[in-house]
Amino acid sequence: MTKSYYEILGVPKNATQDEIKQAYKKLAKTHHPDKGGNTEYFQEMQTAYETVGDQKKREEYDNPTPNIFGGGFPGGFPGGFPGGFPGGFPGGGGAAFNFSDFDMLFKNNRKKKVDQYYQMKITLYDVYFGLKKNLNIKHEVKCAKCNTKCNICNGVGKVKQRIDMGMMQIIQEQPCQNCNAYGIVKDGKYCKDCDNKGFTVNQNKVEIVIPRGVENETRITFPGLGEQPKTENEVSGDLIVVIQIDEGVLFKRSGLDLIYDVNLSFKESVIGKSLVIPHFEKEFTIETRSFGIINPNKKYKINTKGLINDRGVKGNLYLKFDIKYEDTVLSDEQIESLNNIF
């Protein structure tokens, strides 16, 4: 039984979009082909996430278009087929009903395309300044010199098998045994171009440009640079680079804004402290006295010290203070002094 996209991702059907995203990220870390994972299973995960991870596609998936046959053949087809079915339908003459015409009408004839995914890990430093990086992409492609199209399946890798079921005939597709479903066969002679392996390795250099302010999970697509076709029924897939941002320990990110945690003693929260704040371009110093007495439940904004996007829009830096209170009992004189101050 085919698993649903929810089962593939290991989430219930009523899962939130955030729960679906977290489940996918967790599975991707374990099953990505670069980490030894199964490529086919990763592709299933990817397809499942691209569908139910998108609200509109999820609604279409959860509410599929009704079957045009209205639940089956019994009672005839709604509205009928003008002129009857090609090849006739048994109505007393016993003629065989050939499904090859249905195959032509309803079969999805799109050629198979397998995309290749590459996870690029960057830091907040890269997000602040932007980044250019070159990748060397290697692909196995069939050797044009020693490989020929299989004359049994015509290079498709599949053959049609006709099954007689009394007064009906059904046509099924089966893997071609002559070429092991590859669609190509070697000519039997030693080939020096590929060292008789049947394939050669092509290399492509790709420059990846990461814009300033890029968001986590951003995808950059390079058409035609994914998995290359091995049969006549396949086309070149796309190379999809997925950006993974490691925020590190200094800052927390919220869009273009940054949050920086600071520890203060109670005394420092009252009288102030000089702080050296790290930053991507150059560290800077602030005096907390300028904020007054520090409120631990408030975030203090420093304008334009956040991240910058590729349009020049700047975020802000927010300081969040964690105040440590001492186990100290104040004397009457100290309490009176504080009362005089406040």
C-alpha atoms as a PDB file:
ATOM      1  CA  MET A   1       0.000   0.000   0.000  1.00  0.00           C
ATOM      2  CA  THR A   2       1.371   3.394  -0.989  1.00  0.00           C
ATOM      3  CA  LYS A   3       2.195   5.637   1.947  1.00  0.00           C
ATOM      4  CA  SER A   4       0.626   9.070   2.169  1.00  0.00           C
ATOM      5  CA  TYR A   5       2.850  12.145   2.235  1.00  0.00           C
ATOM      6  CA  TYR A   6       2.019  12.558   5.918  1.00  0.00           C
ATOM      7  CA  GLU A   7       3.195   8.999   6.654  1.00  0.00           C
ATOM      8  CA  ILE A   8       6.420   9.577   4.720  1.00  0.00           C
ATOM      9  CA  LEU A   9       7.155  12.630   6.888  1.00  0.00           C
ATOM     10  CA  GLY A  10       5.979  10.884  10.049  1.00  0.00           C
ATOM     11  CA  VAL A  11       3.349  13.480  10.993  1.00  0.00           C
ATOM     12  CA  PRO A  12      -0.418  13.252  11.506  1.00  0.00           C
ATOM     13  CA  LYS A  13      -2.758  14.628   8.844  1.00  0.00           C
ATOM     14  CA  ASN A  14      -3.744  17.518  11.133  1.00  0.00           C
ATOM     15  CA  ALA A  15      -0.128  18.585  11.739  1.00  0.00           C
ATOM     16  CA  THR A  16       0.623  22.306  11.580  1.00  0.00           C
ATOM     17  CA  GLN A  17       2.880  23.742   8.868  1.00  0.00           C
ATOM     18  CA  ASP A  18       5.615  24.305  11.484  1.00  0.00           C
ATOM     19  CA  GLU A  19       5.378  20.675  12.628  1.00  0.00           C
ATOM     20  CA  ILE A  20       5.665  19.489   9.025  1.00  0.00           C
ATOM     21  CA  LYS A  21       8.693  21.732   8.459  1.00  0.00           C
ATOM     22  CA  GLN A  22      10.437  20.526  11.622  1.00  0.00           C
ATOM     23  CA  ALA A  23       9.747  16.875  10.753  1.00  0.00           C
ATOM     24  CA  TYR A  24      11.202  17.345   7.272  1.00  0.00           C
ATOM     25  CA  LYS A  25      14.332  19.096   8.557  1.00  0.00           C
ATOM     26  CA  LYS A  26      14.920  16.318  11.092  1.00  0.00           C
ATOM     27  CA  LEU A  27      14.539  13.597   8.446  1.00  0.00           C
ATOM     28  CA  ALA A  28      16.689  15.491   5.915  1.00  0.00           C
ATOM     29  CA  LYS A  29      19.618  15.629   8.362  1.00  0.00           C
ATOM     30  CA  THR A  30      19.525  11.840   8.690  1.00  0.00           C
ATOM     31  CA  HIS A  31      18.580  10.669   5.209  1.00  0.00           C
ATOM     32  CA  HIS A  32      20.329  13.179   2.915  1.00  0.00           C
ATOM     33  CA  PRO A  33      22.351  11.302   0.241  1.00  0.00           C
ATOM     34  CA  ASP A  34      25.455  13.344   1.125  1.00  0.00           C
ATOM     35  CA  LYS A  35      25.292  11.698   4.560  1.00  0.00           C
ATOM     36  CA  GLY A  36      24.816   8.195   3.221  1.00  0.00           C
ATOM     37  CA  GLY A  37      21.019   8.299   3.035  1.00  0.00           C
ATOM     38  CA  ASN A  38      18.854   6.528   0.489  1.00  0.00           C
ATOM     39  CA  THR A  39      18.401   8.732  -2.593  1.00  0.00           C
ATOM     40  CA  GLU A  40      14.958   7.395  -3.511  1.00  0.00           C
ATOM     41  CA  TYR A  41      13.638   7.830   0.039  1.00  0.00           C
ATOM     42  CA  PHE A  42      15.070  11.371   0.168  1.00  0.00           C
ATOM     43  CA  GLN A  43      13.293  12.198  -3.090  1.00  0.00           C
ATOM     44  CA  GLU A  44      10.035  10.853  -1.605  1.00  0.00           C
ATOM     45  CA  MET A  45      10.544  13.051   1.457  1.00  0.00           C
ATOM     46  CA  GLN A  46      11.275  16.042  -0.759  1.00  0.00           C
ATOM     47  CA  THR A  47       8.158  15.497  -2.862  1.00  0.00           C
ATOM     48  CA  ALA A  48       6.056  15.032   0.264  1.00  0.00           C
ATOM     49  CA  TYR A  49       7.395  18.226   1.856  1.00  0.00           C
ATOM     50  CA  GLU A  50       7.014  20.308  -1.317  1.00  0.00           C
ATOM     51  CA  THR A  51       3.369  19.234  -1.424  1.00  0.00           C
ATOM     52  CA  VAL A  52       2.037  19.283   2.152  1.00  0.00           C
ATOM     53  CA  GLY A  53       4.582  21.903   3.251  1.00  0.00           C
ATOM     54  CA  ASP A  54       2.849  24.371   0.910  1.00  0.00           C
ATOM     55  CA  GLN A  55      -0.616  25.332   2.148  1.00  0.00           C
ATOM     56  CA  LYS A  56      -2.206  25.621  -1.294  1.00  0.00           C
ATOM     57  CA  LYS A  57      -0.735  22.366  -2.591  1.00  0.00           C
ATOM     58  CA  ARG A  58      -1.681  20.696   0.691  1.00  0.00           C
ATOM     59  CA  GLU A  59      -5.325  21.656   0.243  1.00  0.00           C
ATOM     60  CA  GLU A  60      -5.293  20.237  -3.282  1.00  0.00           C
ATOM     61  CA  TYR A  61      -3.649  17.053  -2.000  1.00  0.00           C
ATOM     62  CA  ASP A  62      -6.156  16.655   0.860  1.00  0.00           C
ATOM     63  CA  ASN A  63      -9.098  17.349  -1.478  1.00  0.00           C
ATOM     64  CA  PRO A  64      -8.299  15.659  -4.803  1.00  0.00           C
ATOM     65  CA  THR A  65     -10.380  16.206  -7.925  1.00  0.00           C
ATOM     66  CA  PRO A  66     -13.223  13.663  -8.080  1.00  0.00           C
ATOM     67  CA  ASN A  67     -12.823  10.665 -10.410  1.00  0.00           C
ATOM     68  CA  ILE A  68     -14.262  11.460 -13.837  1.00  0.00           C
ATOM     69  CA  PHE A  69     -15.843   8.019 -13.940  1.00  0.00           C
ATOM     70  CA  GLY A  70     -18.047   8.840 -10.964  1.00  0.00           C
ATOM     71  CA  GLY A  71     -16.890   5.876  -8.874  1.00  0.00           C
ATOM     72  CA  GLY A  72     -16.444   3.164 -11.509  1.00  0.00           C
ATOM     73  CA  PHE A  73     -17.745   1.498 -14.635  1.00  0.00           C
ATOM     74  CA  PRO A  74     -21.025  -0.064 -13.405  1.00  0.00           C
ATOM     75  CA  GLY A  75     -24.037   1.621 -14.914  1.00  0.00           C
ATOM     76  CA  GLY A  76     -22.036   3.069 -17.756  1.00  0.00           C
ATOM     77  CA  PHE A  77     -19.966   6.247 -18.076  1.00  0.00           C
ATOM     78  CA  PRO A  78     -21.541   9.608 -17.201  1.00  0.00           C
ATOM     79  CA  GLY A  79     -22.735  11.115 -20.451  1.00  0.00           C
ATOM     80  CA  GLY A  80     -21.257   8.294 -22.466  1.00  0.00           C
ATOM     81  CA  PHE A  81     -18.556   8.465 -25.140  1.00  0.00           C
ATOM     82  CA  PRO A  82     -19.819   9.863 -28.465  1.00  0.00           C
ATOM     83  CA  GLY A  83     -19.699   7.144 -31.075  1.00  0.00           C
ATOM     84  CA  GLY A  84     -18.843   4.482 -28.523  1.00  0.00           C
ATOM     85  CA  PHE A  85     -15.407   3.312 -27.422  1.00  0.00           C
ATOM     86  CA  PRO A  86     -12.554   2.867 -29.904  1.00  0.00           C
ATOM     87  CA  GLY A  87     -12.418  -0.808 -30.778  1.00  0.00           C
ATOM     88  CA  GLY A  88     -15.946  -1.348 -29.530  1.00  0.00           C
ATOM     89  CA  PHE A  89     -17.372  -2.369 -26.169  1.00  0.00           C
ATOM     90  CA  PRO A  90     -18.918  -5.774 -25.565  1.00  0.00           C
ATOM     91  CA  GLY A  91     -22.612  -5.251 -25.955  1.00  0.00           C
ATOM     92  CA  GLY A  92     -23.630  -8.637 -27.237  1.00  0.00           C
ATOM     93  CA  GLY A  93     -20.966  -9.264 -29.885  1.00  0.00           C
ATOM     94  CA  GLY A  94     -18.290 -10.293 -27.393  1.00  0.00           C
ATOM     95  CA  ALA A  95     -15.586  -8.124 -28.998  1.00  0.00           C
ATOM     96  CA  ALA A  96     -12.540  -7.462 -26.819  1.00  0.00           C
ATOM     97  CA  PHE A  97     -12.255  -4.019 -25.215  1.00  0.00           C
ATOM     98  CA  ASN A  98      -8.693  -2.752 -25.801  1.00  0.00           C
ATOM     99  CA  PHE A  99      -7.288  -0.445 -23.103  1.00  0.00           C
ATOM    100  CA  SER A 100      -4.504   0.844 -25.371  1.00  0.00           C
ATOM    101  CA  ASP A 101      -6.722   3.794 -26.301  1.00  0.00           C
ATOM    102  CA  PHE A 102      -7.187   4.603 -22.613  1.00  0.00           C
ATOM    103  CA  ASP A 103      -3.430   4.419 -22.288  1.00  0.00           C
ATOM    104  CA  MET A 104      -3.093   7.121 -24.917  1.00  0.00           C
ATOM    105  CA  LEU A 105      -5.842   9.280 -23.409  1.00  0.00           C
ATOM    106  CA  PHE A 106      -4.988   9.211 -19.715  1.00  0.00           C
ATOM    107  CA  LYS A 107      -1.349   8.204 -19.304  1.00  0.00           C
ATOM    108  CA  ASN A 108       1.004  10.874 -18.007  1.00  0.00           C
ATOM    109  CA  ASN A 109       3.525  11.123 -20.816  1.00  0.00           C
ATOM    110  CA  ARG A 110       5.850  13.592 -19.147  1.00  0.00           C
ATOM    111  CA  LYS A 111       9.432  12.433 -19.118  1.00  0.00           C
ATOM    112  CA  LYS A 112      11.044  11.634 -15.802  1.00  0.00           C
ATOM    113  CA  LYS A 113      13.188  14.341 -14.213  1.00  0.00           C
ATOM    114  CA  VAL A 114      15.323  13.781 -11.103  1.00  0.00           C
ATOM    115  CA  ASP A 115      16.511  16.906  -9.292  1.00  0.00           C
ATOM    116  CA  GLN A 116      19.745  16.941  -7.314  1.00  0.00           C
ATOM    117  CA  TYR A 117      19.877  18.691  -3.934  1.00  0.00           C
ATOM    118  CA  TYR A 118      22.891  20.282  -2.287  1.00  0.00           C
ATOM    119  CA  GLN A 119      22.775  21.713   1.226  1.00  0.00           C
ATOM    120  CA  MET A 120      25.056  24.732   1.637  1.00  0.00           C
ATOM    121  CA  LYS A 121      25.854  25.708   5.212  1.00  0.00           C
ATOM    122  CA  ILE A 122      26.680  29.363   5.881  1.00  0.00           C
ATOM    123  CA  THR A 123      27.001  31.615   8.950  1.00  0.00           C
ATOM    124  CA  LEU A 124      25.404  34.911   9.994  1.00  0.00           C
ATOM    125  CA  TYR A 125      28.654  36.551   8.904  1.00  0.00           C
ATOM    126  CA  ASP A 126      27.938  35.295   5.367  1.00  0.00           C
ATOM    127  CA  VAL A 127      24.337  36.523   5.670  1.00  0.00           C
ATOM    128  CA  TYR A 128      25.575  40.001   6.638  1.00  0.00           C
ATOM    129  CA  PHE A 129      28.124  40.399   3.822  1.00  0.00           C
ATOM    130  CA  GLY A 130      26.774  38.043   1.174  1.00  0.00           C
ATOM    131  CA  LEU A 131      28.812  35.237  -0.345  1.00  0.00           C
ATOM    132  CA  LYS A 132      30.009  33.800  -3.626  1.00  0.00           C
ATOM    133  CA  LYS A 133      31.083  30.178  -3.773  1.00  0.00           C
ATOM    134  CA  ASN A 134      32.056  27.815  -6.577  1.00  0.00           C
ATOM    135  CA  LEU A 135      30.849  24.222  -6.688  1.00  0.00           C
ATOM    136  CA  ASN A 136      32.212  21.440  -8.864  1.00  0.00           C
ATOM    137  CA  ILE A 137      29.276  19.282  -9.929  1.00  0.00           C
ATOM    138  CA  LYS A 138      30.031  15.806 -11.285  1.00  0.00           C
ATOM    139  CA  HIS A 139      27.562  13.778 -13.336  1.00  0.00           C
ATOM    140  CA  GLU A 140      27.642  10.321 -14.820  1.00  0.00           C
ATOM    141  CA  VAL A 141      26.393  10.391 -18.407  1.00  0.00           C
ATOM    142  CA  LYS A 142      26.033   7.494 -20.791  1.00  0.00           C
ATOM    143  CA  CYS A 143      28.953   7.037 -23.156  1.00  0.00           C
ATOM    144  CA  ALA A 144      27.800   8.141 -26.589  1.00  0.00           C
ATOM    145  CA  LYS A 145      30.403   6.010 -28.364  1.00  0.00           C
ATOM    146  CA  CYS A 146      29.628   2.528 -27.041  1.00  0.00           C
ATOM    147  CA  ASN A 147      25.988   2.814 -25.964  1.00  0.00           C
ATOM    148  CA  THR A 148      23.174   2.282 -28.428  1.00  0.00           C
ATOM    149  CA  LYS A 149      19.429   2.598 -28.039  1.00  0.00           C
ATOM    150  CA  CYS A 150      17.735  -0.650 -27.041  1.00  0.00           C
ATOM    151  CA  ASN A 151      15.718  -1.856 -30.024  1.00  0.00           C
ATOM    152  CA  ILE A 152      13.316  -3.807 -27.798  1.00  0.00           C
ATOM    153  CA  CYS A 153      11.986  -0.854 -25.750  1.00  0.00           C
ATOM    154  CA  ASN A 154      13.112   1.903 -28.148  1.00  0.00           C
ATOM    155  CA  GLY A 155      15.255   3.467 -25.418  1.00  0.00           C
ATOM    156  CA  VAL A 156      12.416   3.942 -22.928  1.00  0.00           C
ATOM    157  CA  GLY A 157      13.505   1.182 -20.523  1.00  0.00           C
ATOM    158  CA  LYS A 158       9.967  -0.276 -20.362  1.00  0.00           C
ATOM    159  CA  VAL A 159       7.939  -2.582 -22.564  1.00  0.00           C
ATOM    160  CA  LYS A 160       4.170  -3.013 -22.767  1.00  0.00           C
ATOM    161  CA  GLN A 161       2.664  -6.373 -21.951  1.00  0.00           C
ATOM    162  CA  ARG A 162      -0.816  -7.285 -23.152  1.00  0.00           C
ATOM    163  CA  ILE A 163      -2.906  -9.296 -20.673  1.00  0.00           C
ATOM    164  CA  ASP A 164      -6.074 -11.023 -21.849  1.00  0.00           C
ATOM    165  CA  MET A 165      -8.890 -10.985 -19.308  1.00  0.00           C
ATOM    166  CA  GLY A 166     -11.670 -12.776 -21.150  1.00  0.00           C
ATOM    167  CA  MET A 167     -13.534 -10.172 -23.118  1.00  0.00           C
ATOM    168  CA  MET A 168     -11.125  -7.396 -22.161  1.00  0.00           C
ATOM    169  CA  GLN A 169      -7.440  -6.734 -22.685  1.00  0.00           C
ATOM    170  CA  ILE A 170      -5.253  -4.745 -20.302  1.00  0.00           C
ATOM    171  CA  ILE A 171      -1.878  -3.332 -21.227  1.00  0.00           C
ATOM    172  CA  GLN A 172       0.743  -3.066 -18.469  1.00  0.00           C
ATOM    173  CA  GLU A 173       4.265  -1.659 -18.519  1.00  0.00           C
ATOM    174  CA  GLN A 174       7.147  -3.865 -17.404  1.00  0.00           C
ATOM    175  CA  PRO A 175      10.922  -3.177 -17.110  1.00  0.00           C
ATOM    176  CA  CYS A 176      12.747  -4.126 -20.298  1.00  0.00           C
ATOM    177  CA  GLN A 177      14.840  -7.233 -19.642  1.00  0.00           C
ATOM    178  CA  ASN A 178      17.035  -6.705 -22.679  1.00  0.00           C
ATOM    179  CA  CYS A 179      18.600  -3.498 -21.291  1.00  0.00           C
ATOM    180  CA  ASN A 180      17.765  -3.928 -17.567  1.00  0.00           C
ATOM    181  CA  ALA A 181      15.412  -0.931 -17.832  1.00  0.00           C
ATOM    182  CA  TYR A 182      18.250   1.461 -18.798  1.00  0.00           C
ATOM    183  CA  GLY A 183      17.055   1.943 -22.391  1.00  0.00           C
ATOM    184  CA  ILE A 184      20.575   1.518 -23.716  1.00  0.00           C
ATOM    185  CA  VAL A 185      22.808  -1.465 -24.447  1.00  0.00           C
ATOM    186  CA  LYS A 186      26.555  -1.693 -25.019  1.00  0.00           C
ATOM    187  CA  ASP A 187      27.786  -2.764 -28.413  1.00  0.00           C
ATOM    188  CA  GLY A 188      29.965  -5.546 -26.938  1.00  0.00           C
ATOM    189  CA  LYS A 189      33.293  -4.019 -27.963  1.00  0.00           C
ATOM    190  CA  TYR A 190      35.876  -2.557 -25.580  1.00  0.00           C
ATOM    191  CA  CYS A 191      35.493   1.227 -25.371  1.00  0.00           C
ATOM    192  CA  LYS A 192      38.538   3.274 -24.440  1.00  0.00           C
ATOM    193  CA  ASP A 193      36.501   6.466 -24.065  1.00  0.00           C
ATOM    194  CA  CYS A 194      34.770   5.169 -20.931  1.00  0.00           C
ATOM    195  CA  ASP A 195      37.139   2.288 -20.050  1.00  0.00           C
ATOM    196  CA  ASN A 196      34.241  -0.021 -20.905  1.00  0.00           C
ATOM    197  CA  LYS A 197      32.161   1.265 -17.981  1.00  0.00           C
ATOM    198  CA  GLY A 198      29.366   2.467 -20.210  1.00  0.00           C
ATOM    199  CA  PHE A 199      29.409   5.987 -18.807  1.00  0.00           C
ATOM    200  CA  THR A 200      31.696   8.998 -18.554  1.00  0.00           C
ATOM    201  CA  VAL A 201      31.946  11.713 -15.910  1.00  0.00           C
ATOM    202  CA  ASN A 202      31.175  15.325 -16.792  1.00  0.00           C
ATOM    203  CA  GLN A 203      32.127  18.229 -14.542  1.00  0.00           C
ATOM    204  CA  ASN A 204      30.395  21.579 -14.307  1.00  0.00           C
ATOM    205  CA  LYS A 205      31.585  24.533 -12.252  1.00  0.00           C
ATOM    206  CA  VAL A 206      28.708  26.476 -10.741  1.00  0.00           C
ATOM    207  CA  GLU A 207      29.023  29.878  -9.081  1.00  0.00           C
ATOM    208  CA  ILE A 208      26.534  30.294  -6.259  1.00  0.00           C
ATOM    209  CA  VAL A 209      25.739  33.870  -5.295  1.00  0.00           C
ATOM    210  CA  ILE A 210      24.262  34.217  -1.795  1.00  0.00           C
ATOM    211  CA  PRO A 211      22.596  37.646  -1.405  1.00  0.00           C
ATOM    212  CA  ARG A 212      22.874  39.692   1.786  1.00  0.00           C
ATOM    213  CA  GLY A 213      20.097  39.021   4.289  1.00  0.00           C
ATOM    214  CA  VAL A 214      19.259  35.600   2.816  1.00  0.00           C
ATOM    215  CA  GLU A 215      16.687  33.577   4.770  1.00  0.00           C
ATOM    216  CA  ASN A 216      17.194  30.045   6.055  1.00  0.00           C
ATOM    217  CA  GLU A 217      15.967  27.268   3.705  1.00  0.00           C
ATOM    218  CA  THR A 218      16.198  29.564   0.656  1.00  0.00           C
ATOM    219  CA  ARG A 219      16.523  27.531  -2.553  1.00  0.00           C
ATOM    220  CA  ILE A 220      18.597  28.487  -5.569  1.00  0.00           C
ATOM    221  CA  THR A 221      17.823  26.486  -8.720  1.00  0.00           C
ATOM    222  CA  PHE A 222      20.171  25.740 -11.618  1.00  0.00           C
ATOM    223  CA  PRO A 223      18.073  24.229 -14.436  1.00  0.00           C
ATOM    224  CA  GLY A 224      19.485  21.146 -16.157  1.00  0.00           C
ATOM    225  CA  LEU A 225      22.396  20.595 -13.754  1.00  0.00           C
ATOM    226  CA  GLY A 226      20.772  17.835 -11.687  1.00  0.00           C
ATOM    227  CA  GLU A 227      20.727  14.104 -12.452  1.00  0.00           C
ATOM    228  CA  GLN A 228      21.372  13.451 -16.128  1.00  0.00           C
ATOM    229  CA  PRO A 229      19.150  11.213 -18.304  1.00  0.00           C
ATOM    230  CA  LYS A 230      20.034   7.535 -18.581  1.00  0.00           C
ATOM    231  CA  THR A 231      17.125   6.529 -20.820  1.00  0.00           C
ATOM    232  CA  GLU A 232      15.126   8.083 -23.620  1.00  0.00           C
ATOM    233  CA  ASN A 233      12.277   8.568 -21.148  1.00  0.00           C
ATOM    234  CA  GLU A 234      14.278  10.925 -18.908  1.00  0.00           C
ATOM    235  CA  VAL A 235      15.383  14.551 -19.096  1.00  0.00           C
ATOM    236  CA  SER A 236      18.019  16.472 -17.174  1.00  0.00           C
ATOM    237  CA  GLY A 237      16.976  17.380 -13.635  1.00  0.00           C
ATOM    238  CA  ASP A 238      17.759  20.627 -11.830  1.00  0.00           C
ATOM    239  CA  LEU A 239      20.443  21.345  -9.262  1.00  0.00           C
ATOM    240  CA  ILE A 240      18.743  22.850  -6.203  1.00  0.00           C
ATOM    241  CA  VAL A 241      20.979  24.482  -3.603  1.00  0.00           C
ATOM    242  CA  VAL A 242      19.324  24.723  -0.177  1.00  0.00           C
ATOM    243  CA  ILE A 243      20.762  27.358   2.179  1.00  0.00           C
ATOM    244  CA  GLN A 244      21.265  26.215   5.790  1.00  0.00           C
ATOM    245  CA  ILE A 245      22.209  29.028   8.206  1.00  0.00           C
ATOM    246  CA  ASP A 246      24.178  28.331  11.380  1.00  0.00           C
ATOM    247  CA  GLU A 247      23.381  31.294  13.639  1.00  0.00           C
ATOM    248  CA  GLY A 248      26.183  30.511  16.100  1.00  0.00           C
ATOM    249  CA  VAL A 249      26.073  31.529  19.771  1.00  0.00           C
ATOM    250  CA  LEU A 250      26.441  35.327  19.750  1.00  0.00           C
ATOM    251  CA  PHE A 251      23.139  36.414  18.222  1.00  0.00           C
ATOM    252  CA  LYS A 252      19.613  35.210  17.718  1.00  0.00           C
ATOM    253  CA  ARG A 253      18.011  36.208  14.445  1.00  0.00           C
ATOM    254  CA  SER A 254      14.529  37.563  13.733  1.00  0.00           C
ATOM    255  CA  GLY A 255      14.286  38.545  10.066  1.00  0.00           C
ATOM    256  CA  LEU A 256      16.878  41.306   9.622  1.00  0.00           C
ATOM    257  CA  ASP A 257      16.954  42.044  13.372  1.00  0.00           C
ATOM    258  CA  LEU A 258      19.474  40.560  15.795  1.00  0.00           C
ATOM    259  CA  ILE A 259      19.100  39.883  19.524  1.00  0.00           C
ATOM    260  CA  TYR A 260      22.127  39.971  21.848  1.00  0.00           C
ATOM    261  CA  ASP A 261      21.899  38.634  25.425  1.00  0.00           C
ATOM    262  CA  VAL A 262      23.811  40.499  28.179  1.00  0.00           C
ATOM    263  CA  ASN A 263      24.357  39.457  31.826  1.00  0.00           C
ATOM    264  CA  LEU A 264      24.329  42.216  34.451  1.00  0.00           C
ATOM    265  CA  SER A 265      24.458  42.314  38.220  1.00  0.00           C
ATOM    266  CA  PHE A 266      21.728  44.218  40.048  1.00  0.00           C
ATOM    267  CA  LYS A 267      24.214  46.976  40.860  1.00  0.00           C
ATOM    268  CA  GLU A 268      25.245  47.300  37.214  1.00  0.00           C
ATOM    269  CA  SER A 269      21.597  47.418  36.153  1.00  0.00           C
ATOM    270  CA  VAL A 270      21.202  50.504  38.378  1.00  0.00           C
ATOM    271  CA  ILE A 271      24.476  52.422  38.063  1.00  0.00           C
ATOM    272  CA  GLY A 272      25.305  51.291  34.527  1.00  0.00           C
ATOM    273  CA  LYS A 273      28.103  49.407  32.812  1.00  0.00           C
ATOM    274  CA  SER A 274      30.313  49.913  29.771  1.00  0.00           C
ATOM    275  CA  LEU A 275      29.681  47.081  27.270  1.00  0.00           C
ATOM    276  CA  VAL A 276      31.746  46.031  24.241  1.00  0.00           C
ATOM    277  CA  ILE A 277      29.325  44.631  21.642  1.00  0.00           C
ATOM    278  CA  PRO A 278      30.755  42.358  18.929  1.00  0.00           C
ATOM    279  CA  HIS A 279      29.677  43.125  15.387  1.00  0.00           C
ATOM    280  CA  PHE A 280      30.399  41.871  11.870  1.00  0.00           C
ATOM    281  CA  GLU A 281      32.184  45.007  10.685  1.00  0.00           C
ATOM    282  CA  LYS A 282      33.680  46.290  13.951  1.00  0.00           C
ATOM    283  CA  GLU A 283      32.892  45.952  17.650  1.00  0.00           C
ATOM    284  CA  PHE A 284      31.486  49.004  19.393  1.00  0.00           C
ATOM    285  CA  THR A 285      30.974  50.243  22.963  1.00  0.00           C
ATOM    286  CA  ILE A 286      27.794  51.402  24.676  1.00  0.00           C
ATOM    287  CA  GLU A 287      27.059  52.689  28.189  1.00  0.00           C
ATOM    288  CA  THR A 288      23.973  51.094  29.722  1.00  0.00           C
ATOM    289  CA  ARG A 289      23.489  54.274  31.795  1.00  0.00           C
ATOM    290  CA  SER A 290      22.018  55.830  28.667  1.00  0.00           C
ATOM    291  CA  PHE A 291      19.084  53.413  29.018  1.00  0.00           C
ATOM    292  CA  GLY A 292      18.391  54.382  32.628  1.00  0.00           C
ATOM    293  CA  ILE A 293      17.728  51.619  35.144  1.00  0.00           C
ATOM    294  CA  ILE A 294      17.607  48.382  33.159  1.00  0.00           C
ATOM    295  CA  ASN A 295      14.309  46.553  32.907  1.00  0.00           C
ATOM    296  CA  PRO A 296      14.934  42.803  32.360  1.00  0.00           C
ATOM    297  CA  ASN A 297      11.553  42.438  30.640  1.00  0.00           C
ATOM    298  CA  LYS A 298      12.387  44.976  27.955  1.00  0.00           C
ATOM    299  CA  LYS A 299      14.542  44.858  24.818  1.00  0.00           C
ATOM    300  CA  TYR A 300      16.725  47.903  24.120  1.00  0.00           C
ATOM    301  CA  LYS A 301      17.100  48.885  20.471  1.00  0.00           C
ATOM    302  CA  ILE A 302      20.274  49.996  18.741  1.00  0.00           C
ATOM    303  CA  ASN A 303      19.279  51.271  15.300  1.00  0.00           C
ATOM    304  CA  THR A 304      20.699  49.852  12.031  1.00  0.00           C
ATOM    305  CA  LYS A 305      23.065  47.396  13.728  1.00  0.00           C
ATOM    306  CA  GLY A 306      21.218  44.315  12.498  1.00  0.00           C
ATOM    307  CA  LEU A 307      21.545  42.488   9.183  1.00  0.00           C
ATOM    308  CA  ILE A 308      21.311  44.104   5.738  1.00  0.00           C
ATOM    309  CA  ASN A 309      19.465  42.708   2.720  1.00  0.00           C
ATOM    310  CA  ASP A 310      20.409  43.037  -0.944  1.00  0.00           C
ATOM    311  CA  ARG A 311      18.195  46.141  -1.296  1.00  0.00           C
ATOM    312  CA  GLY A 312      20.130  47.981   1.419  1.00  0.00           C
ATOM    313  CA  VAL A 313      17.427  47.688   4.088  1.00  0.00           C
ATOM    314  CA  LYS A 314      18.991  47.487   7.550  1.00  0.00           C
ATOM    315  CA  GLY A 315      17.659  45.713  10.611  1.00  0.00           C
ATOM    316  CA  ASN A 316      18.217  46.654  14.256  1.00  0.00           C
ATOM    317  CA  LEU A 317      20.151  45.142  17.137  1.00  0.00           C
ATOM    318  CA  TYR A 318      18.222  44.480  20.349  1.00  0.00           C
ATOM    319  CA  LEU A 319      19.897  44.041  23.732  1.00  0.00           C
ATOM    320  CA  LYS A 320      18.165  41.720  26.169  1.00  0.00           C
ATOM    321  CA  PHE A 321      19.465  41.883  29.750  1.00  0.00           C
ATOM    322  CA  ASP A 322      19.547  39.049  32.263  1.00  0.00           C
ATOM    323  CA  ILE A 323      19.963  40.551  35.747  1.00  0.00           C
ATOM    324  CA  LYS A 324      21.404  38.581  38.645  1.00  0.00           C
ATOM    325  CA  TYR A 325      19.955  39.674  41.986  1.00  0.00           C
ATOM    326  CA  GLU A 326      22.114  39.296  45.104  1.00  0.00           C
ATOM    327  CA  ASP A 327      20.921  37.648  48.326  1.00  0.00           C
ATOM    328  CA  THR A 328      21.596  40.800  50.322  1.00  0.00           C
ATOM    329  CA  VAL A 329      19.560  42.296  53.157  1.00  0.00           C
ATOM    330  CA  LEU A 330      19.654  46.107  53.026  1.00  0.00           C
ATOM    331  CA  SER A 331      20.202  48.125  56.193  1.00  0.00           C
ATOM    332  CA  ASP A 332      17.788  50.835  57.265  1.00  0.00           C
ATOM    333  CA  GLU A 333      20.291  53.483  56.178  1.00  0.00           C
ATOM    334  CA  GLN A 334      20.613  51.933  52.695  1.00  0.00           C
ATOM    335  CA  ILE A 335      16.832  51.722  52.322  1.00  0.00           C
ATOM    336  CA  GLU A 336      16.522  55.368  53.360  1.00  0.00           C
ATOM    337  CA  SER A 337      19.189  56.370  50.826  1.00  0.00           C
ATOM    338  CA  LEU A 338      17.309  54.548  48.061  1.00  0.00           C
ATOM    339  CA  ASN A 339      14.057  56.212  49.090  1.00  0.00           C
ATOM    340  CA  ASN A 340      15.798  59.596  48.814  1.00  0.00           C
ATOM    341  CA  ILE A 341      16.991  58.713  45.307  1.00  0.00           C
ATOM    342  CA  PHE A 342      13.691  57.456  43.953  1.00  0.00           C
END
